[in-house]
Amino acid sequence: QVQLVESGGGLVQPGGSLRLSCTASGIIFSINNMGWYRQAPGAERDLVALITTDARTNYANSVKGRFTISRDNAKNTVYLQMNSLRPEDTATYYCAASLSWIAMSEQQYEHWGQGTQVTVSS
């Protein structure tokens, strides 16, 4: 049974930081490309960042320079370090796993976590 479990969300003030984690089980983590998506109320789910099996990264323009995605294959975990958070970063954040290299489309991700809520507010 495949499981992706996110953690690390919460309430933070504008300008603050959070680190999200996603731990996978039931898959061979090292051969999966990993992505972080987010969905705000009433909006579509959008790709925030992805990291390939060889640690290449890609970011949405809105988070470049503020967010950093990384992975630890020994721990089957992908991280999203979020700095300089803004109210518009408020959303539910999902991690996802894909066997497609540089998976830019939601349809390319085979497995999804349940999501973790991030709220940026003063």
N, C-alpha and C. Protein backbone atom coordinates (compact mmCIF):
# COMPACT_ATOMS: atom_id res chain seq x y z
N GLN A 1 0.84 -1.19 0.00
CA GLN A 1 0.00 0.00 0.00
C GLN A 1 0.88 1.25 0.00
N VAL A 2 0.62 2.11 -0.97
CA VAL A 2 1.41 3.34 -1.09
C VAL A 2 0.86 4.41 -0.17
N GLN A 3 1.74 5.05 0.56
CA GLN A 3 1.34 6.17 1.41
C GLN A 3 2.34 7.29 1.29
N LEU A 4 1.81 8.50 1.12
CA LEU A 4 2.61 9.72 1.19
C LEU A 4 2.01 10.54 2.31
N VAL A 5 2.81 10.84 3.33
CA VAL A 5 2.29 11.52 4.50
C VAL A 5 3.03 12.85 4.68
N GLU A 6 2.25 13.93 4.53
CA GLU A 6 2.82 15.27 4.70
C GLU A 6 2.73 15.71 6.16
N SER A 7 3.66 16.56 6.55
CA SER A 7 3.62 17.17 7.87
C SER A 7 4.34 18.51 7.82
N GLY A 8 4.17 19.30 8.87
CA GLY A 8 4.88 20.55 8.96
C GLY A 8 4.08 21.80 8.68
N GLY A 9 2.83 21.62 8.27
CA GLY A 9 2.00 22.79 8.02
C GLY A 9 1.59 23.48 9.32
N GLY A 10 0.95 24.64 9.16
CA GLY A 10 0.50 25.37 10.34
C GLY A 10 0.22 26.83 10.02
N LEU A 11 0.08 27.60 11.07
CA LEU A 11 -0.18 29.03 10.96
C LEU A 11 1.14 29.79 11.18
N VAL A 12 1.44 30.70 10.28
CA VAL A 12 2.67 31.48 10.39
C VAL A 12 2.39 32.90 9.96
N GLN A 13 3.11 33.84 10.53
CA GLN A 13 2.94 35.24 10.16
C GLN A 13 3.64 35.54 8.84
N PRO A 14 3.18 36.54 8.13
CA PRO A 14 3.88 36.95 6.90
C PRO A 14 5.35 37.21 7.17
N GLY A 15 6.18 36.73 6.26
CA GLY A 15 7.62 36.85 6.44
C GLY A 15 8.25 35.68 7.15
N GLY A 16 7.43 34.82 7.72
CA GLY A 16 7.93 33.67 8.45
C GLY A 16 8.29 32.50 7.56
N SER A 17 8.68 31.40 8.21
CA SER A 17 9.13 30.21 7.49
C SER A 17 8.45 28.97 8.02
N LEU A 18 8.32 27.99 7.14
CA LEU A 18 7.86 26.66 7.50
C LEU A 18 8.63 25.66 6.67
N ARG A 19 8.77 24.46 7.20
CA ARG A 19 9.38 23.36 6.46
C ARG A 19 8.40 22.20 6.41
N LEU A 20 7.97 21.89 5.23
CA LEU A 20 7.08 20.75 5.03
C LEU A 20 7.90 19.49 4.76
N SER A 21 7.39 18.37 5.23
CA SER A 21 8.02 17.07 4.97
C SER A 21 6.97 16.14 4.38
N CYS A 22 7.42 15.23 3.58
CA CYS A 22 6.55 14.20 3.02
C CYS A 22 7.32 12.90 3.01
N THR A 23 6.84 11.94 3.78
CA THR A 23 7.51 10.64 3.87
C THR A 23 6.70 9.60 3.12
N ALA A 24 7.38 8.86 2.28
CA ALA A 24 6.73 7.88 1.43
C ALA A 24 6.97 6.46 1.91
N SER A 25 5.98 5.61 1.69
CA SER A 25 6.12 4.18 1.94
C SER A 25 5.37 3.45 0.85
N GLY A 26 5.80 2.22 0.59
CA GLY A 26 5.13 1.41 -0.42
C GLY A 26 5.58 1.67 -1.84
N ILE A 27 6.55 2.56 -2.01
CA ILE A 27 7.13 2.82 -3.33
C ILE A 27 8.65 2.78 -3.22
N ILE A 28 9.31 2.60 -4.36
CA ILE A 28 10.78 2.72 -4.37
C ILE A 28 11.07 4.21 -4.54
N PHE A 29 11.28 4.87 -3.43
CA PHE A 29 11.34 6.32 -3.40
C PHE A 29 12.41 6.87 -4.35
N SER A 30 13.56 6.21 -4.40
CA SER A 30 14.68 6.76 -5.16
C SER A 30 14.43 6.84 -6.65
N ILE A 31 13.48 6.09 -7.18
CA ILE A 31 13.21 6.14 -8.62
C ILE A 31 12.01 7.01 -8.94
N ASN A 32 11.45 7.64 -7.91
CA ASN A 32 10.30 8.53 -8.12
C ASN A 32 10.72 9.99 -8.12
N ASN A 33 10.19 10.70 -9.08
CA ASN A 33 10.32 12.15 -9.08
C ASN A 33 9.22 12.70 -8.16
N MET A 34 9.54 13.70 -7.38
CA MET A 34 8.60 14.17 -6.36
C MET A 34 8.21 15.61 -6.61
N GLY A 35 6.95 15.89 -6.33
CA GLY A 35 6.46 17.25 -6.52
C GLY A 35 5.68 17.72 -5.31
N TRP A 36 5.67 19.02 -5.15
CA TRP A 36 4.79 19.67 -4.17
C TRP A 36 3.78 20.52 -4.96
N TYR A 37 2.52 20.30 -4.67
CA TYR A 37 1.44 21.10 -5.25
C TYR A 37 0.75 21.85 -4.11
N ARG A 38 -0.02 22.86 -4.49
CA ARG A 38 -0.85 23.53 -3.50
C ARG A 38 -2.18 23.93 -4.12
N GLN A 39 -3.18 24.00 -3.25
CA GLN A 39 -4.51 24.38 -3.69
C GLN A 39 -5.14 25.30 -2.66
N ALA A 40 -5.45 26.52 -3.11
CA ALA A 40 -6.15 27.48 -2.27
C ALA A 40 -7.65 27.29 -2.46
N PRO A 41 -8.46 27.73 -1.51
CA PRO A 41 -9.92 27.59 -1.64
C PRO A 41 -10.42 28.24 -2.93
N GLY A 42 -11.20 27.48 -3.68
CA GLY A 42 -11.78 28.01 -4.91
C GLY A 42 -10.83 28.07 -6.09
N ALA A 43 -9.61 27.57 -5.91
CA ALA A 43 -8.62 27.63 -6.98
C ALA A 43 -8.22 26.24 -7.43
N GLU A 44 -7.54 26.19 -8.55
CA GLU A 44 -7.03 24.91 -9.04
C GLU A 44 -5.78 24.52 -8.24
N ARG A 45 -5.45 23.24 -8.34
CA ARG A 45 -4.23 22.76 -7.71
C ARG A 45 -3.06 23.04 -8.65
N ASP A 46 -2.06 23.71 -8.13
CA ASP A 46 -0.93 24.15 -8.96
C ASP A 46 0.38 23.55 -8.46
N LEU A 47 1.28 23.30 -9.41
CA LEU A 47 2.60 22.80 -9.07
C LEU A 47 3.42 23.91 -8.44
N VAL A 48 4.02 23.63 -7.30
CA VAL A 48 4.86 24.60 -6.60
C VAL A 48 6.33 24.32 -6.92
N ALA A 49 6.72 23.05 -6.80
CA ALA A 49 8.12 22.69 -7.01
C ALA A 49 8.20 21.20 -7.30
N LEU A 50 9.23 20.82 -8.02
CA LEU A 50 9.46 19.40 -8.24
C LEU A 50 10.96 19.12 -8.15
N ILE A 51 11.26 17.85 -7.85
CA ILE A 51 12.65 17.43 -7.79
C ILE A 51 12.73 16.06 -8.45
N THR A 52 13.68 15.92 -9.35
CA THR A 52 13.81 14.67 -10.08
C THR A 52 14.64 13.66 -9.28
N THR A 53 14.75 12.47 -9.85
CA THR A 53 15.54 11.44 -9.18
C THR A 53 17.01 11.83 -9.05
N ASP A 54 17.49 12.68 -9.98
CA ASP A 54 18.88 13.13 -9.90
C ASP A 54 18.99 14.54 -9.34
N ALA A 55 17.96 14.92 -8.59
CA ALA A 55 17.95 16.16 -7.80
C ALA A 55 17.90 17.44 -8.62
N ARG A 56 17.46 17.36 -9.85
CA ARG A 56 17.18 18.60 -10.58
C ARG A 56 15.87 19.17 -10.03
N THR A 57 15.79 20.49 -9.99
CA THR A 57 14.62 21.13 -9.41
C THR A 57 13.97 22.10 -10.38
N ASN A 58 12.71 22.35 -10.13
CA ASN A 58 11.96 23.32 -10.93
C ASN A 58 10.93 23.96 -10.01
N TYR A 59 10.75 25.28 -10.14
CA TYR A 59 9.87 26.01 -9.25
C TYR A 59 8.86 26.85 -10.03
N ALA A 60 7.71 27.03 -9.43
CA ALA A 60 6.77 28.02 -9.95
C ALA A 60 7.38 29.40 -9.78
N ASN A 61 7.09 30.28 -10.72
CA ASN A 61 7.66 31.64 -10.66
C ASN A 61 7.32 32.34 -9.35
N SER A 62 6.15 32.06 -8.83
CA SER A 62 5.68 32.76 -7.63
C SER A 62 6.47 32.40 -6.37
N VAL A 63 7.23 31.30 -6.41
CA VAL A 63 7.96 30.88 -5.21
C VAL A 63 9.47 30.87 -5.41
N LYS A 64 9.92 31.15 -6.61
CA LYS A 64 11.37 31.15 -6.87
C LYS A 64 12.08 32.11 -5.94
N GLY A 65 13.18 31.63 -5.37
CA GLY A 65 13.97 32.46 -4.45
C GLY A 65 13.46 32.42 -3.02
N ARG A 66 12.28 31.86 -2.81
CA ARG A 66 11.72 31.78 -1.45
C ARG A 66 11.59 30.35 -0.96
N PHE A 67 11.26 29.43 -1.86
CA PHE A 67 11.04 28.02 -1.50
C PHE A 67 12.20 27.17 -2.03
N THR A 68 12.51 26.12 -1.30
CA THR A 68 13.54 25.17 -1.72
C THR A 68 13.03 23.75 -1.52
N ILE A 69 13.06 22.97 -2.58
CA ILE A 69 12.69 21.56 -2.49
C ILE A 69 13.96 20.72 -2.39
N SER A 70 13.91 19.68 -1.58
CA SER A 70 15.04 18.78 -1.45
C SER A 70 14.53 17.39 -1.12
N ARG A 71 15.40 16.40 -1.21
CA ARG A 71 15.00 15.03 -0.93
C ARG A 71 16.10 14.30 -0.20
N ASP A 72 15.69 13.35 0.62
CA ASP A 72 16.62 12.46 1.32
C ASP A 72 16.17 11.04 1.02
N ASN A 73 16.83 10.40 0.09
CA ASN A 73 16.42 9.06 -0.32
C ASN A 73 16.58 8.04 0.80
N ALA A 74 17.53 8.26 1.69
CA ALA A 74 17.73 7.33 2.80
C ALA A 74 16.54 7.35 3.76
N LYS A 75 15.83 8.48 3.79
CA LYS A 75 14.68 8.61 4.68
C LYS A 75 13.36 8.56 3.93
N ASN A 76 13.42 8.33 2.62
CA ASN A 76 12.20 8.30 1.80
C ASN A 76 11.37 9.58 1.99
N THR A 77 12.05 10.70 2.07
CA THR A 77 11.38 11.95 2.41
C THR A 77 11.77 13.07 1.46
N VAL A 78 10.77 13.86 1.11
CA VAL A 78 10.98 15.08 0.34
C VAL A 78 10.56 16.26 1.21
N TYR A 79 11.28 17.35 1.08
CA TYR A 79 11.05 18.53 1.92
C TYR A 79 10.70 19.74 1.05
N LEU A 80 10.01 20.68 1.66
CA LEU A 80 9.79 21.97 1.04
C LEU A 80 10.05 23.03 2.10
N GLN A 81 11.19 23.70 1.98
CA GLN A 81 11.52 24.80 2.87
C GLN A 81 10.90 26.06 2.31
N MET A 82 10.05 26.70 3.09
CA MET A 82 9.33 27.88 2.64
C MET A 82 9.73 29.07 3.49
N ASN A 83 10.35 30.06 2.87
CA ASN A 83 10.78 31.27 3.56
C ASN A 83 10.03 32.48 3.01
N SER A 84 10.11 33.57 3.75
CA SER A 84 9.46 34.83 3.32
C SER A 84 8.01 34.57 2.90
N LEU A 85 7.29 33.87 3.73
CA LEU A 85 5.92 33.48 3.37
C LEU A 85 5.01 34.70 3.27
N ARG A 86 4.08 34.60 2.34
CA ARG A 86 3.12 35.67 2.07
C ARG A 86 1.71 35.15 2.26
N PRO A 87 0.75 36.02 2.51
CA PRO A 87 -0.65 35.55 2.65
C PRO A 87 -1.12 34.75 1.43
N GLU A 88 -0.64 35.10 0.26
CA GLU A 88 -1.06 34.37 -0.95
C GLU A 88 -0.47 32.96 -1.03
N ASP A 89 0.42 32.60 -0.11
CA ASP A 89 0.92 31.22 -0.05
C ASP A 89 -0.03 30.31 0.73
N THR A 90 -1.05 30.90 1.33
CA THR A 90 -2.03 30.11 2.09
C THR A 90 -2.72 29.11 1.18
N ALA A 91 -2.65 27.85 1.56
CA ALA A 91 -3.22 26.78 0.74
C ALA A 91 -3.03 25.45 1.46
N THR A 92 -3.67 24.42 0.90
CA THR A 92 -3.34 23.06 1.30
C THR A 92 -2.22 22.58 0.39
N TYR A 93 -1.17 22.07 0.98
CA TYR A 93 0.00 21.62 0.23
C TYR A 93 0.01 20.09 0.16
N TYR A 94 0.21 19.59 -1.05
CA TYR A 94 0.22 18.15 -1.30
C TYR A 94 1.57 17.73 -1.87
N CYS A 95 2.05 16.58 -1.45
CA CYS A 95 3.19 16.01 -2.15
C CYS A 95 2.67 14.90 -3.06
N ALA A 96 3.44 14.63 -4.09
CA ALA A 96 3.04 13.64 -5.07
C ALA A 96 4.28 12.97 -5.65
N ALA A 97 4.08 11.74 -6.11
CA ALA A 97 5.18 10.95 -6.66
C ALA A 97 4.89 10.57 -8.10
N SER A 98 5.92 10.66 -8.92
CA SER A 98 5.77 10.36 -10.34
C SER A 98 6.96 9.58 -10.86
N LEU A 99 6.67 8.65 -11.76
CA LEU A 99 7.75 7.94 -12.44
C LEU A 99 8.18 8.67 -13.70
N SER A 100 7.50 9.79 -14.02
CA SER A 100 7.86 10.59 -15.19
C SER A 100 8.88 11.62 -14.79
N TRP A 101 9.92 11.75 -15.59
CA TRP A 101 10.99 12.71 -15.29
C TRP A 101 10.51 14.13 -15.59
N ILE A 102 10.76 15.05 -14.67
CA ILE A 102 10.30 16.44 -14.77
C ILE A 102 8.81 16.46 -15.09
N ALA A 103 8.05 15.89 -14.19
CA ALA A 103 6.60 15.81 -14.35
C ALA A 103 5.98 17.17 -14.04
N MET A 104 5.51 17.84 -15.07
CA MET A 104 4.92 19.17 -14.91
C MET A 104 3.40 19.12 -14.86
N SER A 105 2.83 17.98 -15.22
CA SER A 105 1.38 17.86 -15.26
C SER A 105 0.89 17.02 -14.11
N GLU A 106 -0.22 17.47 -13.52
CA GLU A 106 -0.83 16.75 -12.41
C GLU A 106 -1.12 15.30 -12.80
N GLN A 107 -1.48 15.07 -14.03
CA GLN A 107 -1.84 13.74 -14.49
C GLN A 107 -0.65 12.79 -14.51
N GLN A 108 0.56 13.32 -14.46
CA GLN A 108 1.75 12.48 -14.48
C GLN A 108 2.11 11.93 -13.10
N TYR A 109 1.43 12.37 -12.07
CA TYR A 109 1.72 11.92 -10.72
C TYR A 109 0.78 10.77 -10.36
N GLU A 110 1.37 9.64 -9.99
CA GLU A 110 0.59 8.45 -9.72
C GLU A 110 0.08 8.38 -8.27
N HIS A 111 0.81 9.00 -7.38
CA HIS A 111 0.45 8.88 -5.96
C HIS A 111 0.45 10.25 -5.30
N TRP A 112 -0.51 10.44 -4.38
CA TRP A 112 -0.70 11.73 -3.72
C TRP A 112 -0.84 11.55 -2.22
N GLY A 113 -0.38 12.55 -1.49
CA GLY A 113 -0.64 12.59 -0.07
C GLY A 113 -1.98 13.24 0.23
N GLN A 114 -2.32 13.29 1.50
CA GLN A 114 -3.61 13.84 1.92
C GLN A 114 -3.59 15.36 2.03
N GLY A 115 -2.41 15.93 2.13
CA GLY A 115 -2.29 17.38 2.20
C GLY A 115 -2.05 17.88 3.61
N THR A 116 -1.40 19.03 3.69
CA THR A 116 -1.19 19.71 4.97
C THR A 116 -1.50 21.19 4.77
N GLN A 117 -2.19 21.78 5.72
CA GLN A 117 -2.66 23.16 5.58
C GLN A 117 -1.56 24.13 6.01
N VAL A 118 -1.35 25.13 5.16
CA VAL A 118 -0.45 26.24 5.48
C VAL A 118 -1.27 27.52 5.44
N THR A 119 -1.26 28.25 6.54
CA THR A 119 -1.98 29.52 6.62
C THR A 119 -1.00 30.61 7.00
N VAL A 120 -0.94 31.63 6.15
CA VAL A 120 -0.04 32.77 6.39
C VAL A 120 -0.91 33.97 6.71
N SER A 121 -0.86 34.39 7.95
CA SER A 121 -1.74 35.47 8.39
C SER A 121 -1.18 36.12 9.64
N SER A 122 -1.43 37.42 9.77
CA SER A 122 -1.03 38.12 10.97
C SER A 122 -2.17 38.15 11.99
